[in-house]
Amino acid sequence: MIYKITFLILILISNINARTIEEIKESGNIIIAIYENFPPYSFIEDGVEKGIDIDLGKEIASSLGVKPIWYWTGSDENLEDDLRNVIWKGHIIHKTKADVMLRVPYDYEFIRQKDKTTGALSNELVVMKAPYHAENWVIATDKSKIEKLNSLAQFKYNTVGVELDTLPDAHLTSSFQGQLRPNVKHYVSIETAIKDLKDKKLSAVAGLKSQLEYLLDFNKNQDKYFMSEKIDYVTSKWDIGIAVRHDFRALGYKIEGFIDQYHKDDTLKNIFKKYNVTYESPIVLKNN
């Protein structure tokens, strides 16, 4: 029901062009894109929207003096497709667009990519701003089977679950000339992999640190599970931030100011703490 109501509202207020801040305030709503079924960032539990990005979106809307309308979106084949469908072009069928998208990898090189044929910027219609967390790939193990992970070679003799088509999937199946492949178990969702880890059907799960912490309630269960700091030889830490259309930079700057304040007053830290996830300051902030 929530999805249907939100969809109808989006159709009514969606615009061909990016809405100005004044138009957003006049409407009383801001359209915020979040990924569906993505705990602990955005999900529905007992008919209620919950998650880190839901709480952050509410803070942004409150700071603007409006209410959030959630644009739930699935994950496409790549980030370019997600940004095209949600931010600058609109859905292929109903053409609805969001004012801002959350949980977007903050990647300057991605924005500067050029089309090999024309030499033009491939992603010039999108602006990424306001990093609010550093995400990374890690491995969680069942301590009764792997007390401490010293090397990926341990998966020659122990099973590890991965979500299909992720970096851990590609890395583990190709490591040691494919010797780990028989023990790499594939799952459509990380939640199912975690369930099998809890049920002792796996020795470990590789995935996003935030998801593993949340789904294992890791902070309360460190006696049961070990968690690595990273996955060797995998680009395992990156910032996540927001995305707006290139002709909507004013909103991007406005939200960037809000998020800067949320860093300073611990709003972000408290949101992550609510979901038992360790908040990590963005890399760009540490380097400044």
C-alpha atoms as a PDB file:
ATOM      1  CA  MET A   1       0.000   0.000   0.000  1.00  0.00           C
ATOM      2  CA  ILE A   2       2.820   2.437   0.864  1.00  0.00           C
ATOM      3  CA  TYR A   3       4.437   1.896  -2.541  1.00  0.00           C
ATOM      4  CA  LYS A   4       1.137   2.468  -4.392  1.00  0.00           C
ATOM      5  CA  ILE A   5       0.289   5.701  -2.558  1.00  0.00           C
ATOM      6  CA  THR A   6       3.811   7.065  -2.970  1.00  0.00           C
ATOM      7  CA  PHE A   7       3.792   6.210  -6.690  1.00  0.00           C
ATOM      8  CA  LEU A   8       0.519   8.116  -7.270  1.00  0.00           C
ATOM      9  CA  ILE A   9       1.856  11.192  -5.443  1.00  0.00           C
ATOM     10  CA  LEU A  10       5.078  11.065  -7.452  1.00  0.00           C
ATOM     11  CA  ILE A  11       3.160  10.997 -10.731  1.00  0.00           C
ATOM     12  CA  LEU A  12       1.157  14.057  -9.679  1.00  0.00           C
ATOM     13  CA  ILE A  13       4.122  16.252  -8.670  1.00  0.00           C
ATOM     14  CA  SER A  14       6.880  14.945 -10.963  1.00  0.00           C
ATOM     15  CA  ASN A  15       8.332  17.497 -13.366  1.00  0.00           C
ATOM     16  CA  ILE A  16      10.204  17.282 -16.666  1.00  0.00           C
ATOM     17  CA  ASN A  17      12.810  19.705 -15.314  1.00  0.00           C
ATOM     18  CA  ALA A  18      14.509  19.699 -11.939  1.00  0.00           C
ATOM     19  CA  ARG A  19      12.403  21.539  -9.375  1.00  0.00           C
ATOM     20  CA  THR A  20      13.839  24.636  -7.738  1.00  0.00           C
ATOM     21  CA  ILE A  21      14.168  24.921  -3.970  1.00  0.00           C
ATOM     22  CA  GLU A  22      11.314  27.435  -4.051  1.00  0.00           C
ATOM     23  CA  GLU A  23       9.086  24.963  -5.923  1.00  0.00           C
ATOM     24  CA  ILE A  24       9.921  22.228  -3.426  1.00  0.00           C
ATOM     25  CA  LYS A  25       9.021  24.489  -0.507  1.00  0.00           C
ATOM     26  CA  GLU A  26       5.815  25.628  -2.181  1.00  0.00           C
ATOM     27  CA  SER A  27       4.782  22.008  -2.777  1.00  0.00           C
ATOM     28  CA  GLY A  28       5.555  21.107   0.837  1.00  0.00           C
ATOM     29  CA  ASN A  29       7.372  17.933  -0.269  1.00  0.00           C
ATOM     30  CA  ILE A  30      10.787  16.763  -1.414  1.00  0.00           C
ATOM     31  CA  ILE A  31      11.074  13.570  -3.497  1.00  0.00           C
ATOM     32  CA  ILE A  32      13.899  11.439  -2.081  1.00  0.00           C
ATOM     33  CA  ALA A  33      15.096   8.325  -3.908  1.00  0.00           C
ATOM     34  CA  ILE A  34      16.201   5.382  -1.785  1.00  0.00           C
ATOM     35  CA  TYR A  35      16.929   1.769  -2.627  1.00  0.00           C
ATOM     36  CA  GLU A  36      14.162  -0.697  -1.807  1.00  0.00           C
ATOM     37  CA  ASN A  37      14.732  -3.717   0.452  1.00  0.00           C
ATOM     38  CA  PHE A  38      18.186  -2.487   1.487  1.00  0.00           C
ATOM     39  CA  PRO A  39      18.572  -2.864   5.266  1.00  0.00           C
ATOM     40  CA  PRO A  40      19.873  -1.094   7.249  1.00  0.00           C
ATOM     41  CA  TYR A  41      19.606   1.872   4.853  1.00  0.00           C
ATOM     42  CA  SER A  42      16.023   1.680   3.585  1.00  0.00           C
ATOM     43  CA  PHE A  43      13.378  -0.980   4.088  1.00  0.00           C
ATOM     44  CA  ILE A  44       9.805  -1.488   5.247  1.00  0.00           C
ATOM     45  CA  GLU A  45       9.051  -3.339   8.477  1.00  0.00           C
ATOM     46  CA  ASP A  46       5.487  -3.935   9.649  1.00  0.00           C
ATOM     47  CA  GLY A  47       4.272  -1.415   7.097  1.00  0.00           C
ATOM     48  CA  VAL A  48       6.615   1.332   8.321  1.00  0.00           C
ATOM     49  CA  GLU A  49       9.553   2.881   6.428  1.00  0.00           C
ATOM     50  CA  LYS A  50      12.775   2.409   8.378  1.00  0.00           C
ATOM     51  CA  GLY A  51      16.504   2.725   7.905  1.00  0.00           C
ATOM     52  CA  ILE A  52      19.522   5.011   7.988  1.00  0.00           C
ATOM     53  CA  ASP A  53      18.597   6.752   4.726  1.00  0.00           C
ATOM     54  CA  ILE A  54      14.961   7.071   5.795  1.00  0.00           C
ATOM     55  CA  ASP A  55      16.032   8.871   8.986  1.00  0.00           C
ATOM     56  CA  LEU A  56      18.566  10.983   7.092  1.00  0.00           C
ATOM     57  CA  GLY A  57      15.927  11.860   4.484  1.00  0.00           C
ATOM     58  CA  LYS A  58      13.558  12.958   7.243  1.00  0.00           C
ATOM     59  CA  GLU A  59      16.288  15.209   8.680  1.00  0.00           C
ATOM     60  CA  ILE A  60      16.933  16.775   5.259  1.00  0.00           C
ATOM     61  CA  ALA A  61      13.224  17.349   4.675  1.00  0.00           C
ATOM     62  CA  SER A  62      12.815  18.863   8.143  1.00  0.00           C
ATOM     63  CA  SER A  63      15.773  21.190   7.568  1.00  0.00           C
ATOM     64  CA  LEU A  64      14.066  22.376   4.360  1.00  0.00           C
ATOM     65  CA  GLY A  65      10.747  22.759   6.151  1.00  0.00           C
ATOM     66  CA  VAL A  66       8.965  20.149   4.022  1.00  0.00           C
ATOM     67  CA  LYS A  67       7.917  16.493   4.197  1.00  0.00           C
ATOM     68  CA  PRO A  68       9.700  13.608   2.444  1.00  0.00           C
ATOM     69  CA  ILE A  69       8.105  11.552  -0.310  1.00  0.00           C
ATOM     70  CA  TRP A  70       9.986   8.306  -0.876  1.00  0.00           C
ATOM     71  CA  TYR A  71      10.906   7.245  -4.386  1.00  0.00           C
ATOM     72  CA  TRP A  72      11.659   3.538  -3.888  1.00  0.00           C
ATOM     73  CA  THR A  73      13.922   2.198  -6.604  1.00  0.00           C
ATOM     74  CA  GLY A  74      15.532  -1.128  -7.403  1.00  0.00           C
ATOM     75  CA  SER A  75      19.183  -1.504  -8.283  1.00  0.00           C
ATOM     76  CA  ASP A  76      19.831  -1.638 -12.042  1.00  0.00           C
ATOM     77  CA  GLU A  77      22.834  -3.147 -13.827  1.00  0.00           C
ATOM     78  CA  ASN A  78      25.115  -0.256 -12.902  1.00  0.00           C
ATOM     79  CA  LEU A  79      25.186   3.143 -11.200  1.00  0.00           C
ATOM     80  CA  GLU A  80      24.830   5.021 -14.504  1.00  0.00           C
ATOM     81  CA  ASP A  81      21.502   3.273 -15.117  1.00  0.00           C
ATOM     82  CA  ASP A  82      20.275   4.078 -11.595  1.00  0.00           C
ATOM     83  CA  LEU A  83      21.142   7.768 -11.955  1.00  0.00           C
ATOM     84  CA  ARG A  84      19.580   7.984 -15.408  1.00  0.00           C
ATOM     85  CA  ASN A  85      16.318   6.355 -14.302  1.00  0.00           C
ATOM     86  CA  VAL A  86      15.986   8.210 -11.026  1.00  0.00           C
ATOM     87  CA  ILE A  87      17.705  11.602 -11.368  1.00  0.00           C
ATOM     88  CA  TRP A  88      18.121  13.047 -14.860  1.00  0.00           C
ATOM     89  CA  LYS A  89      15.871  11.232 -17.322  1.00  0.00           C
ATOM     90  CA  GLY A  90      13.192   9.550 -15.291  1.00  0.00           C
ATOM     91  CA  HIS A  91      11.663   6.101 -15.226  1.00  0.00           C
ATOM     92  CA  ILE A  92      11.363   4.473 -18.660  1.00  0.00           C
ATOM     93  CA  ILE A  93       7.576   4.100 -18.258  1.00  0.00           C
ATOM     94  CA  HIS A  94       6.220   6.867 -16.023  1.00  0.00           C
ATOM     95  CA  LYS A  95       9.166   9.331 -16.387  1.00  0.00           C
ATOM     96  CA  THR A  96       9.050  10.191 -12.678  1.00  0.00           C
ATOM     97  CA  LYS A  97      12.234  11.699 -11.221  1.00  0.00           C
ATOM     98  CA  ALA A  98      13.480  12.341  -7.704  1.00  0.00           C
ATOM     99  CA  ASP A  99      14.763  15.669  -6.420  1.00  0.00           C
ATOM    100  CA  VAL A 100      17.676  13.926  -4.693  1.00  0.00           C
ATOM    101  CA  MET A 101      19.004  10.377  -4.408  1.00  0.00           C
ATOM    102  CA  LEU A 102      20.691   9.005  -1.285  1.00  0.00           C
ATOM    103  CA  ARG A 103      23.357   6.342  -0.847  1.00  0.00           C
ATOM    104  CA  VAL A 104      25.202   7.152  -4.057  1.00  0.00           C
ATOM    105  CA  PRO A 105      28.936   6.316  -4.229  1.00  0.00           C
ATOM    106  CA  TYR A 106      30.811   9.620  -4.014  1.00  0.00           C
ATOM    107  CA  ASP A 107      33.216   9.117  -6.887  1.00  0.00           C
ATOM    108  CA  TYR A 108      34.859  12.107  -8.583  1.00  0.00           C
ATOM    109  CA  GLU A 109      36.451   9.893 -11.240  1.00  0.00           C
ATOM    110  CA  PHE A 110      33.034   8.473 -12.148  1.00  0.00           C
ATOM    111  CA  ILE A 111      31.648  11.962 -12.748  1.00  0.00           C
ATOM    112  CA  ARG A 112      34.676  12.871 -14.895  1.00  0.00           C
ATOM    113  CA  GLN A 113      34.393   9.794 -17.141  1.00  0.00           C
ATOM    114  CA  LYS A 114      34.265  10.650 -20.844  1.00  0.00           C
ATOM    115  CA  ASP A 115      32.489   8.939 -23.703  1.00  0.00           C
ATOM    116  CA  LYS A 116      35.125   7.138 -25.786  1.00  0.00           C
ATOM    117  CA  THR A 117      33.446   8.146 -29.052  1.00  0.00           C
ATOM    118  CA  THR A 118      32.519  11.802 -28.489  1.00  0.00           C
ATOM    119  CA  GLY A 119      34.900  12.790 -25.699  1.00  0.00           C
ATOM    120  CA  ALA A 120      31.987  14.391 -23.831  1.00  0.00           C
ATOM    121  CA  LEU A 121      31.423  13.751 -20.145  1.00  0.00           C
ATOM    122  CA  SER A 122      29.319  10.593 -19.770  1.00  0.00           C
ATOM    123  CA  ASN A 123      27.685  11.683 -16.511  1.00  0.00           C
ATOM    124  CA  GLU A 124      27.490  15.439 -16.976  1.00  0.00           C
ATOM    125  CA  LEU A 125      23.784  15.524 -16.087  1.00  0.00           C
ATOM    126  CA  VAL A 126      24.447  14.397 -12.512  1.00  0.00           C
ATOM    127  CA  VAL A 127      26.177  16.088  -9.573  1.00  0.00           C
ATOM    128  CA  MET A 128      27.416  14.038  -6.602  1.00  0.00           C
ATOM    129  CA  LYS A 129      27.824  15.860  -3.300  1.00  0.00           C
ATOM    130  CA  ALA A 130      27.712  15.665   0.494  1.00  0.00           C
ATOM    131  CA  PRO A 131      29.419  12.379   1.461  1.00  0.00           C
ATOM    132  CA  TYR A 132      27.950  11.181   4.751  1.00  0.00           C
ATOM    133  CA  HIS A 133      29.540   7.779   5.454  1.00  0.00           C
ATOM    134  CA  ALA A 134      32.472   5.561   4.446  1.00  0.00           C
ATOM    135  CA  GLU A 135      31.325   2.072   3.415  1.00  0.00           C
ATOM    136  CA  ASN A 136      33.501  -1.016   3.019  1.00  0.00           C
ATOM    137  CA  TRP A 137      33.535  -4.734   2.165  1.00  0.00           C
ATOM    138  CA  VAL A 138      34.372  -7.107   5.023  1.00  0.00           C
ATOM    139  CA  ILE A 139      33.995 -10.769   5.982  1.00  0.00           C
ATOM    140  CA  ALA A 140      32.132 -12.003   9.059  1.00  0.00           C
ATOM    141  CA  THR A 141      32.893 -15.498  10.353  1.00  0.00           C
ATOM    142  CA  ASP A 142      31.260 -17.906  12.783  1.00  0.00           C
ATOM    143  CA  LYS A 143      33.889 -18.056  15.543  1.00  0.00           C
ATOM    144  CA  SER A 144      33.045 -21.686  16.280  1.00  0.00           C
ATOM    145  CA  LYS A 145      34.295 -22.511  12.758  1.00  0.00           C
ATOM    146  CA  ILE A 146      36.802 -19.722  11.979  1.00  0.00           C
ATOM    147  CA  GLU A 147      37.881 -17.966  15.153  1.00  0.00           C
ATOM    148  CA  LYS A 148      39.937 -15.400  13.261  1.00  0.00           C
ATOM    149  CA  LEU A 149      40.386 -14.854   9.541  1.00  0.00           C
ATOM    150  CA  ASN A 150      44.100 -14.712   8.735  1.00  0.00           C
ATOM    151  CA  SER A 151      43.960 -15.475   5.019  1.00  0.00           C
ATOM    152  CA  LEU A 152      41.420 -16.053   2.272  1.00  0.00           C
ATOM    153  CA  ALA A 153      43.128 -19.423   1.857  1.00  0.00           C
ATOM    154  CA  GLN A 154      41.055 -20.576   4.826  1.00  0.00           C
ATOM    155  CA  PHE A 155      38.130 -20.807   2.406  1.00  0.00           C
ATOM    156  CA  LYS A 156      39.783 -23.747   0.699  1.00  0.00           C
ATOM    157  CA  TYR A 157      38.306 -25.692   3.616  1.00  0.00           C
ATOM    158  CA  ASN A 158      35.430 -23.473   4.822  1.00  0.00           C
ATOM    159  CA  THR A 159      32.311 -22.138   3.117  1.00  0.00           C
ATOM    160  CA  VAL A 160      31.656 -18.440   2.574  1.00  0.00           C
ATOM    161  CA  GLY A 161      28.413 -16.870   1.390  1.00  0.00           C
ATOM    162  CA  VAL A 162      28.290 -13.938  -1.028  1.00  0.00           C
ATOM    163  CA  GLU A 163      25.557 -11.956  -2.745  1.00  0.00           C
ATOM    164  CA  LEU A 164      25.536 -12.548  -6.497  1.00  0.00           C
ATOM    165  CA  ASP A 165      27.410 -10.122  -8.753  1.00  0.00           C
ATOM    166  CA  THR A 166      29.226  -8.216  -6.000  1.00  0.00           C
ATOM    167  CA  LEU A 167      32.940  -7.480  -5.688  1.00  0.00           C
ATOM    168  CA  PRO A 168      33.398 -10.159  -2.986  1.00  0.00           C
ATOM    169  CA  ASP A 169      31.734 -12.665  -5.318  1.00  0.00           C
ATOM    170  CA  ALA A 170      34.096 -11.842  -8.197  1.00  0.00           C
ATOM    171  CA  HIS A 171      37.178 -11.711  -5.982  1.00  0.00           C
ATOM    172  CA  LEU A 172      36.621 -14.896  -3.995  1.00  0.00           C
ATOM    173  CA  THR A 173      35.669 -17.010  -7.010  1.00  0.00           C
ATOM    174  CA  SER A 174      38.821 -15.933  -8.868  1.00  0.00           C
ATOM    175  CA  SER A 175      41.328 -16.033  -5.975  1.00  0.00           C
ATOM    176  CA  PHE A 176      43.970 -18.754  -5.801  1.00  0.00           C
ATOM    177  CA  GLN A 177      43.319 -19.610  -9.444  1.00  0.00           C
ATOM    178  CA  GLY A 178      39.730 -20.518  -8.666  1.00  0.00           C
ATOM    179  CA  GLN A 179      40.557 -22.933  -5.850  1.00  0.00           C
ATOM    180  CA  LEU A 180      38.025 -21.260  -3.507  1.00  0.00           C
ATOM    181  CA  ARG A 181      35.157 -21.471  -5.995  1.00  0.00           C
ATOM    182  CA  PRO A 182      33.645 -24.755  -4.684  1.00  0.00           C
ATOM    183  CA  ASN A 183      33.263 -23.206  -1.228  1.00  0.00           C
ATOM    184  CA  VAL A 184      31.823 -19.866  -2.374  1.00  0.00           C
ATOM    185  CA  LYS A 185      28.042 -20.104  -1.969  1.00  0.00           C
ATOM    186  CA  HIS A 186      25.908 -17.655  -3.946  1.00  0.00           C
ATOM    187  CA  TYR A 187      22.776 -15.917  -2.655  1.00  0.00           C
ATOM    188  CA  VAL A 188      20.245 -13.584  -4.221  1.00  0.00           C
ATOM    189  CA  SER A 189      20.218 -11.504  -1.026  1.00  0.00           C
ATOM    190  CA  ILE A 190      22.678 -10.949   1.797  1.00  0.00           C
ATOM    191  CA  GLU A 191      19.838 -11.529   4.288  1.00  0.00           C
ATOM    192  CA  THR A 192      19.524 -15.161   3.175  1.00  0.00           C
ATOM    193  CA  ALA A 193      23.275 -15.672   3.448  1.00  0.00           C
ATOM    194  CA  ILE A 194      23.248 -14.255   6.983  1.00  0.00           C
ATOM    195  CA  LYS A 195      20.388 -16.584   7.936  1.00  0.00           C
ATOM    196  CA  ASP A 196      22.457 -19.574   6.811  1.00  0.00           C
ATOM    197  CA  LEU A 197      25.444 -18.260   8.782  1.00  0.00           C
ATOM    198  CA  LYS A 198      23.288 -18.026  11.899  1.00  0.00           C
ATOM    199  CA  ASP A 199      21.952 -21.535  11.222  1.00  0.00           C
ATOM    200  CA  LYS A 200      25.536 -22.895  11.021  1.00  0.00           C
ATOM    201  CA  LYS A 201      25.187 -23.746   7.311  1.00  0.00           C
ATOM    202  CA  LEU A 202      28.093 -21.432   6.449  1.00  0.00           C
ATOM    203  CA  SER A 203      31.427 -20.587   8.027  1.00  0.00           C
ATOM    204  CA  ALA A 204      31.417 -16.969   6.861  1.00  0.00           C
ATOM    205  CA  VAL A 205      29.696 -14.265   4.820  1.00  0.00           C
ATOM    206  CA  ALA A 206      31.377 -11.520   2.770  1.00  0.00           C
ATOM    207  CA  GLY A 207      29.475  -8.271   2.260  1.00  0.00           C
ATOM    208  CA  LEU A 208      28.992  -4.650   3.231  1.00  0.00           C
ATOM    209  CA  LYS A 209      30.114  -3.947   6.775  1.00  0.00           C
ATOM    210  CA  SER A 210      26.973  -1.956   7.557  1.00  0.00           C
ATOM    211  CA  GLN A 211      24.706  -4.816   6.466  1.00  0.00           C
ATOM    212  CA  LEU A 212      26.672  -7.477   8.316  1.00  0.00           C
ATOM    213  CA  GLU A 213      26.728  -5.401  11.497  1.00  0.00           C
ATOM    214  CA  TYR A 214      22.996  -4.786  11.327  1.00  0.00           C
ATOM    215  CA  LEU A 215      21.859  -8.275  10.316  1.00  0.00           C
ATOM    216  CA  LEU A 216      24.130 -10.019  12.844  1.00  0.00           C
ATOM    217  CA  ASP A 217      23.530  -7.417  15.563  1.00  0.00           C
ATOM    218  CA  PHE A 218      27.308  -7.622  15.657  1.00  0.00           C
ATOM    219  CA  ASN A 219      27.951  -5.175  18.488  1.00  0.00           C
ATOM    220  CA  LYS A 220      26.015  -7.467  20.843  1.00  0.00           C
ATOM    221  CA  ASN A 221      27.316 -10.734  19.367  1.00  0.00           C
ATOM    222  CA  GLN A 222      31.077 -10.270  19.081  1.00  0.00           C
ATOM    223  CA  ASP A 223      31.518 -13.432  21.150  1.00  0.00           C
ATOM    224  CA  LYS A 224      29.854 -15.391  18.298  1.00  0.00           C
ATOM    225  CA  TYR A 225      31.247 -13.657  15.216  1.00  0.00           C
ATOM    226  CA  PHE A 226      34.570 -12.286  13.998  1.00  0.00           C
ATOM    227  CA  MET A 227      34.662  -9.440  11.477  1.00  0.00           C
ATOM    228  CA  SER A 228      37.629  -8.574   9.273  1.00  0.00           C
ATOM    229  CA  GLU A 229      38.706  -4.974   8.735  1.00  0.00           C
ATOM    230  CA  LYS A 230      38.675  -5.398   4.959  1.00  0.00           C
ATOM    231  CA  ILE A 231      38.929  -7.957   2.160  1.00  0.00           C
ATOM    232  CA  ASP A 232      42.478  -8.192   0.865  1.00  0.00           C
ATOM    233  CA  TYR A 233      43.091  -6.843  -2.639  1.00  0.00           C
ATOM    234  CA  VAL A 234      39.545  -5.503  -2.977  1.00  0.00           C
ATOM    235  CA  THR A 235      38.797  -1.774  -3.181  1.00  0.00           C
ATOM    236  CA  SER A 236      37.071  -2.030   0.125  1.00  0.00           C
ATOM    237  CA  LYS A 237      36.300   1.492   1.304  1.00  0.00           C
ATOM    238  CA  TRP A 238      34.494   4.334  -0.414  1.00  0.00           C
ATOM    239  CA  ASP A 239      32.299   7.283   0.499  1.00  0.00           C
ATOM    240  CA  ILE A 240      28.542   7.426  -0.046  1.00  0.00           C
ATOM    241  CA  GLY A 241      26.700  10.684  -0.569  1.00  0.00           C
ATOM    242  CA  ILE A 242      23.859  12.261  -2.547  1.00  0.00           C
ATOM    243  CA  ALA A 243      23.113  12.910  -6.224  1.00  0.00           C
ATOM    244  CA  VAL A 244      21.094  15.701  -7.858  1.00  0.00           C
ATOM    245  CA  ARG A 245      20.608  16.847 -11.453  1.00  0.00           C
ATOM    246  CA  HIS A 246      23.258  19.131 -12.914  1.00  0.00           C
ATOM    247  CA  ASP A 247      20.716  21.945 -13.213  1.00  0.00           C
ATOM    248  CA  PHE A 248      19.777  21.533  -9.560  1.00  0.00           C
ATOM    249  CA  ARG A 249      23.120  22.323  -7.952  1.00  0.00           C
ATOM    250  CA  ALA A 250      21.465  24.799  -5.590  1.00  0.00           C
ATOM    251  CA  LEU A 251      19.631  21.950  -3.863  1.00  0.00           C
ATOM    252  CA  GLY A 252      22.866  19.946  -3.758  1.00  0.00           C
ATOM    253  CA  TYR A 253      24.705  22.794  -2.043  1.00  0.00           C
ATOM    254  CA  LYS A 254      21.803  23.292   0.366  1.00  0.00           C
ATOM    255  CA  ILE A 255      21.771  19.611   1.382  1.00  0.00           C
ATOM    256  CA  GLU A 256      25.574  19.606   1.572  1.00  0.00           C
ATOM    257  CA  GLY A 257      25.303  22.360   4.183  1.00  0.00           C
ATOM    258  CA  PHE A 258      22.734  20.359   6.143  1.00  0.00           C
ATOM    259  CA  ILE A 259      24.868  17.214   6.096  1.00  0.00           C
ATOM    260  CA  ASP A 260      27.945  19.175   7.161  1.00  0.00           C
ATOM    261  CA  GLN A 261      25.947  20.272  10.206  1.00  0.00           C
ATOM    262  CA  TYR A 262      24.772  16.689  10.828  1.00  0.00           C
ATOM    263  CA  HIS A 263      28.440  15.662  10.967  1.00  0.00           C
ATOM    264  CA  LYS A 264      29.225  18.364  13.512  1.00  0.00           C
ATOM    265  CA  ASP A 265      26.258  17.876  15.836  1.00  0.00           C
ATOM    266  CA  ASP A 266      26.435  14.038  15.785  1.00  0.00           C
ATOM    267  CA  THR A 267      23.065  13.663  14.056  1.00  0.00           C
ATOM    268  CA  LEU A 268      24.619  11.196  11.609  1.00  0.00           C
ATOM    269  CA  LYS A 269      26.450   9.277  14.314  1.00  0.00           C
ATOM    270  CA  ASN A 270      23.220   8.919  16.296  1.00  0.00           C
ATOM    271  CA  ILE A 271      21.270   7.709  13.248  1.00  0.00           C
ATOM    272  CA  PHE A 272      23.817   4.964  12.591  1.00  0.00           C
ATOM    273  CA  LYS A 273      23.906   4.070  16.304  1.00  0.00           C
ATOM    274  CA  LYS A 274      20.123   3.585  16.248  1.00  0.00           C
ATOM    275  CA  TYR A 275      20.626   0.696  13.792  1.00  0.00           C
ATOM    276  CA  ASN A 276      23.681  -0.723  15.610  1.00  0.00           C
ATOM    277  CA  VAL A 277      25.945   0.234  12.713  1.00  0.00           C
ATOM    278  CA  THR A 278      29.375   1.794  13.206  1.00  0.00           C
ATOM    279  CA  TYR A 279      29.444   5.285  11.734  1.00  0.00           C
ATOM    280  CA  GLU A 280      32.604   5.985   9.748  1.00  0.00           C
ATOM    281  CA  SER A 281      33.488   9.543   8.827  1.00  0.00           C
ATOM    282  CA  PRO A 282      33.825   9.974   5.031  1.00  0.00           C
ATOM    283  CA  ILE A 283      37.316   9.590   3.605  1.00  0.00           C
ATOM    284  CA  VAL A 284      37.203  13.039   1.977  1.00  0.00           C
ATOM    285  CA  LEU A 285      36.621  14.638   5.383  1.00  0.00           C
ATOM    286  CA  LYS A 286      39.545  12.762   6.931  1.00  0.00           C
ATOM    287  CA  ASN A 287      41.807  13.889   4.091  1.00  0.00           C
ATOM    288  CA  ASN A 288      40.871  17.570   4.423  1.00  0.00           C
END
